[in-house]
Amino acid sequence: MGHLIYDGRSYEFEDRPLVHLQIVIQQELAKQEHFFFTWHPNGLRDNEMTIWVSPHVHLAFRYTGSHQPKPNKAWLIALNAISYSRRGLIAISEEDAVRYLRENPGLK
């Protein structure tokens, strides 16, 4: 399990999705963009968490695994595209990312 640490609060994520989220979040912050980030803690659909991500707030990523998972390009493309929606970045599963790209073939 890894952690996204934002404004002094720690949020737990599996390492594999966290690697993908980190890449997309870093890309957005490098452009000085602000955005909402939403996920379902512990994978519970009825439990939703949303934070406002700003380049002016301390952010860190901590991994507990011995090696960092290799990123899946399709997952990154889907997360990046979703991050530009009105709702902002939404953490989706790898399977949902593949489905999203099938439904939006122009993103590949």
C-alpha atoms as a PDB file:
ATOM      1  CA  MET A   1       0.000   0.000   0.000  1.00  0.00           C
ATOM      2  CA  GLY A   2       1.137   3.500  -0.781  1.00  0.00           C
ATOM      3  CA  HIS A   3       0.072   6.893   0.446  1.00  0.00           C
ATOM      4  CA  LEU A   4      -0.803  10.192  -1.155  1.00  0.00           C
ATOM      5  CA  ILE A   5       0.047  12.837   1.419  1.00  0.00           C
ATOM      6  CA  TYR A   6      -1.736  16.112   0.754  1.00  0.00           C
ATOM      7  CA  ASP A   7      -1.731  19.119   3.045  1.00  0.00           C
ATOM      8  CA  GLY A   8      -0.536  16.967   5.940  1.00  0.00           C
ATOM      9  CA  ARG A   9      -3.213  14.278   5.542  1.00  0.00           C
ATOM     10  CA  SER A  10      -2.389  10.786   4.356  1.00  0.00           C
ATOM     11  CA  TYR A  11      -4.650   8.820   2.002  1.00  0.00           C
ATOM     12  CA  GLU A  12      -4.024   5.134   1.348  1.00  0.00           C
ATOM     13  CA  PHE A  13      -3.930   3.659  -2.176  1.00  0.00           C
ATOM     14  CA  GLU A  14      -2.679   0.448  -3.721  1.00  0.00           C
ATOM     15  CA  ASP A  15       0.764   1.061  -5.246  1.00  0.00           C
ATOM     16  CA  ARG A  16      -0.254   0.314  -8.855  1.00  0.00           C
ATOM     17  CA  PRO A  17      -3.062   2.891  -9.137  1.00  0.00           C
ATOM     18  CA  LEU A  18      -1.042   5.379  -7.091  1.00  0.00           C
ATOM     19  CA  VAL A  19       1.808   5.310  -9.627  1.00  0.00           C
ATOM     20  CA  HIS A  20      -0.632   6.264 -12.391  1.00  0.00           C
ATOM     21  CA  LEU A  21      -2.305   8.944 -10.315  1.00  0.00           C
ATOM     22  CA  GLN A  22       1.078  10.392  -9.371  1.00  0.00           C
ATOM     23  CA  ILE A  23       2.117  10.744 -13.011  1.00  0.00           C
ATOM     24  CA  VAL A  24      -1.126  12.484 -14.017  1.00  0.00           C
ATOM     25  CA  ILE A  25      -1.162  14.734 -10.937  1.00  0.00           C
ATOM     26  CA  GLN A  26       2.464  15.734 -11.510  1.00  0.00           C
ATOM     27  CA  GLN A  27       1.699  16.602 -15.146  1.00  0.00           C
ATOM     28  CA  GLU A  28      -1.181  18.837 -14.075  1.00  0.00           C
ATOM     29  CA  LEU A  29       0.761  20.552 -11.302  1.00  0.00           C
ATOM     30  CA  ALA A  30       3.731  21.148 -13.600  1.00  0.00           C
ATOM     31  CA  LYS A  31       1.349  23.305 -15.666  1.00  0.00           C
ATOM     32  CA  GLN A  32       0.297  25.131 -12.465  1.00  0.00           C
ATOM     33  CA  GLU A  33      -3.241  23.770 -12.832  1.00  0.00           C
ATOM     34  CA  HIS A  34      -5.761  23.387 -10.007  1.00  0.00           C
ATOM     35  CA  PHE A  35      -8.310  20.581 -10.116  1.00  0.00           C
ATOM     36  CA  PHE A  36     -10.592  18.329  -8.118  1.00  0.00           C
ATOM     37  CA  PHE A  37      -9.406  14.794  -7.428  1.00  0.00           C
ATOM     38  CA  THR A  38     -12.028  12.201  -6.492  1.00  0.00           C
ATOM     39  CA  TRP A  39     -11.685   8.578  -5.417  1.00  0.00           C
ATOM     40  CA  HIS A  40     -13.490   5.902  -3.441  1.00  0.00           C
ATOM     41  CA  PRO A  41     -11.481   5.054  -0.297  1.00  0.00           C
ATOM     42  CA  ASN A  42     -11.122   1.308   0.249  1.00  0.00           C
ATOM     43  CA  GLY A  43     -12.856   0.744  -3.090  1.00  0.00           C
ATOM     44  CA  LEU A  44     -16.265   1.400  -1.534  1.00  0.00           C
ATOM     45  CA  ARG A  45     -18.565   2.965  -4.138  1.00  0.00           C
ATOM     46  CA  ASP A  46     -20.762   4.553  -1.466  1.00  0.00           C
ATOM     47  CA  ASN A  47     -17.765   6.272   0.134  1.00  0.00           C
ATOM     48  CA  GLU A  48     -16.407   9.128  -2.004  1.00  0.00           C
ATOM     49  CA  MET A  49     -13.559  11.507  -1.188  1.00  0.00           C
ATOM     50  CA  THR A  50     -12.785  14.694  -3.142  1.00  0.00           C
ATOM     51  CA  ILE A  51      -9.945  17.148  -2.597  1.00  0.00           C
ATOM     52  CA  TRP A  52      -8.996  20.371  -4.383  1.00  0.00           C
ATOM     53  CA  VAL A  53      -5.450  19.920  -5.676  1.00  0.00           C
ATOM     54  CA  SER A  54      -3.372  23.065  -5.968  1.00  0.00           C
ATOM     55  CA  PRO A  55       0.300  23.584  -6.810  1.00  0.00           C
ATOM     56  CA  HIS A  56       0.507  25.716  -3.662  1.00  0.00           C
ATOM     57  CA  VAL A  57      -0.247  22.858  -1.243  1.00  0.00           C
ATOM     58  CA  HIS A  58       2.336  20.307  -0.069  1.00  0.00           C
ATOM     59  CA  LEU A  59       1.971  16.959  -1.856  1.00  0.00           C
ATOM     60  CA  ALA A  60       3.992  13.763  -1.464  1.00  0.00           C
ATOM     61  CA  PHE A  61       3.724  10.134  -2.547  1.00  0.00           C
ATOM     62  CA  ARG A  62       5.033   7.261  -0.426  1.00  0.00           C
ATOM     63  CA  TYR A  63       5.238   3.658  -1.579  1.00  0.00           C
ATOM     64  CA  THR A  64       5.633   0.595   0.606  1.00  0.00           C
ATOM     65  CA  GLY A  65       6.351  -1.932  -2.141  1.00  0.00           C
ATOM     66  CA  SER A  66       9.903  -2.946  -2.996  1.00  0.00           C
ATOM     67  CA  HIS A  67       9.564  -1.813  -6.619  1.00  0.00           C
ATOM     68  CA  GLN A  68       7.420   0.717  -8.444  1.00  0.00           C
ATOM     69  CA  PRO A  69       4.920  -0.839 -10.871  1.00  0.00           C
ATOM     70  CA  LYS A  70       5.387  -0.177 -14.584  1.00  0.00           C
ATOM     71  CA  PRO A  71       2.836   2.372 -15.848  1.00  0.00           C
ATOM     72  CA  ASN A  72       0.123   1.322 -18.294  1.00  0.00           C
ATOM     73  CA  LYS A  73      -0.058   3.884 -21.112  1.00  0.00           C
ATOM     74  CA  ALA A  74      -3.788   3.335 -21.707  1.00  0.00           C
ATOM     75  CA  TRP A  75      -4.538   3.968 -18.035  1.00  0.00           C
ATOM     76  CA  LEU A  76      -2.506   7.183 -18.122  1.00  0.00           C
ATOM     77  CA  ILE A  77      -4.287   8.404 -21.271  1.00  0.00           C
ATOM     78  CA  ALA A  78      -7.704   7.755 -19.721  1.00  0.00           C
ATOM     79  CA  LEU A  79      -6.836   9.418 -16.394  1.00  0.00           C
ATOM     80  CA  ASN A  80      -5.380  12.420 -18.188  1.00  0.00           C
ATOM     81  CA  ALA A  81      -8.485  12.829 -20.357  1.00  0.00           C
ATOM     82  CA  ILE A  82     -10.779  12.498 -17.343  1.00  0.00           C
ATOM     83  CA  SER A  83      -8.769  15.118 -15.459  1.00  0.00           C
ATOM     84  CA  TYR A  84      -9.996  17.745 -17.941  1.00  0.00           C
ATOM     85  CA  SER A  85     -13.665  17.003 -17.262  1.00  0.00           C
ATOM     86  CA  ARG A  86     -15.812  19.292 -15.107  1.00  0.00           C
ATOM     87  CA  ARG A  87     -15.441  16.852 -12.204  1.00  0.00           C
ATOM     88  CA  GLY A  88     -11.650  16.812 -12.472  1.00  0.00           C
ATOM     89  CA  LEU A  89      -9.417  13.782 -11.989  1.00  0.00           C
ATOM     90  CA  ILE A  90     -11.319  10.681 -10.928  1.00  0.00           C
ATOM     91  CA  ALA A  91      -9.454   7.564  -9.851  1.00  0.00           C
ATOM     92  CA  ILE A  92     -10.664   4.706 -12.029  1.00  0.00           C
ATOM     93  CA  SER A  93      -9.527   1.109 -12.235  1.00  0.00           C
ATOM     94  CA  GLU A  94      -7.287  -0.204 -14.970  1.00  0.00           C
ATOM     95  CA  GLU A  95     -10.254  -2.104 -16.420  1.00  0.00           C
ATOM     96  CA  ASP A  96     -12.413   1.034 -16.400  1.00  0.00           C
ATOM     97  CA  ALA A  97      -9.614   2.918 -18.176  1.00  0.00           C
ATOM     98  CA  VAL A  98      -9.556   0.351 -20.990  1.00  0.00           C
ATOM     99  CA  ARG A  99     -13.356   0.591 -21.260  1.00  0.00           C
ATOM    100  CA  TYR A 100     -13.164   4.410 -21.284  1.00  0.00           C
ATOM    101  CA  LEU A 101     -10.703   4.333 -24.191  1.00  0.00           C
ATOM    102  CA  ARG A 102     -12.912   1.897 -26.127  1.00  0.00           C
ATOM    103  CA  GLU A 103     -15.821   4.311 -25.676  1.00  0.00           C
ATOM    104  CA  ASN A 104     -13.624   7.294 -26.658  1.00  0.00           C
ATOM    105  CA  PRO A 105     -11.439   5.978 -29.519  1.00  0.00           C
ATOM    106  CA  GLY A 106     -10.146   9.438 -30.448  1.00  0.00           C
ATOM    107  CA  LEU A 107      -8.019   9.525 -27.281  1.00  0.00           C
ATOM    108  CA  LYS A 108      -5.593   6.785 -28.260  1.00  0.00           C
END
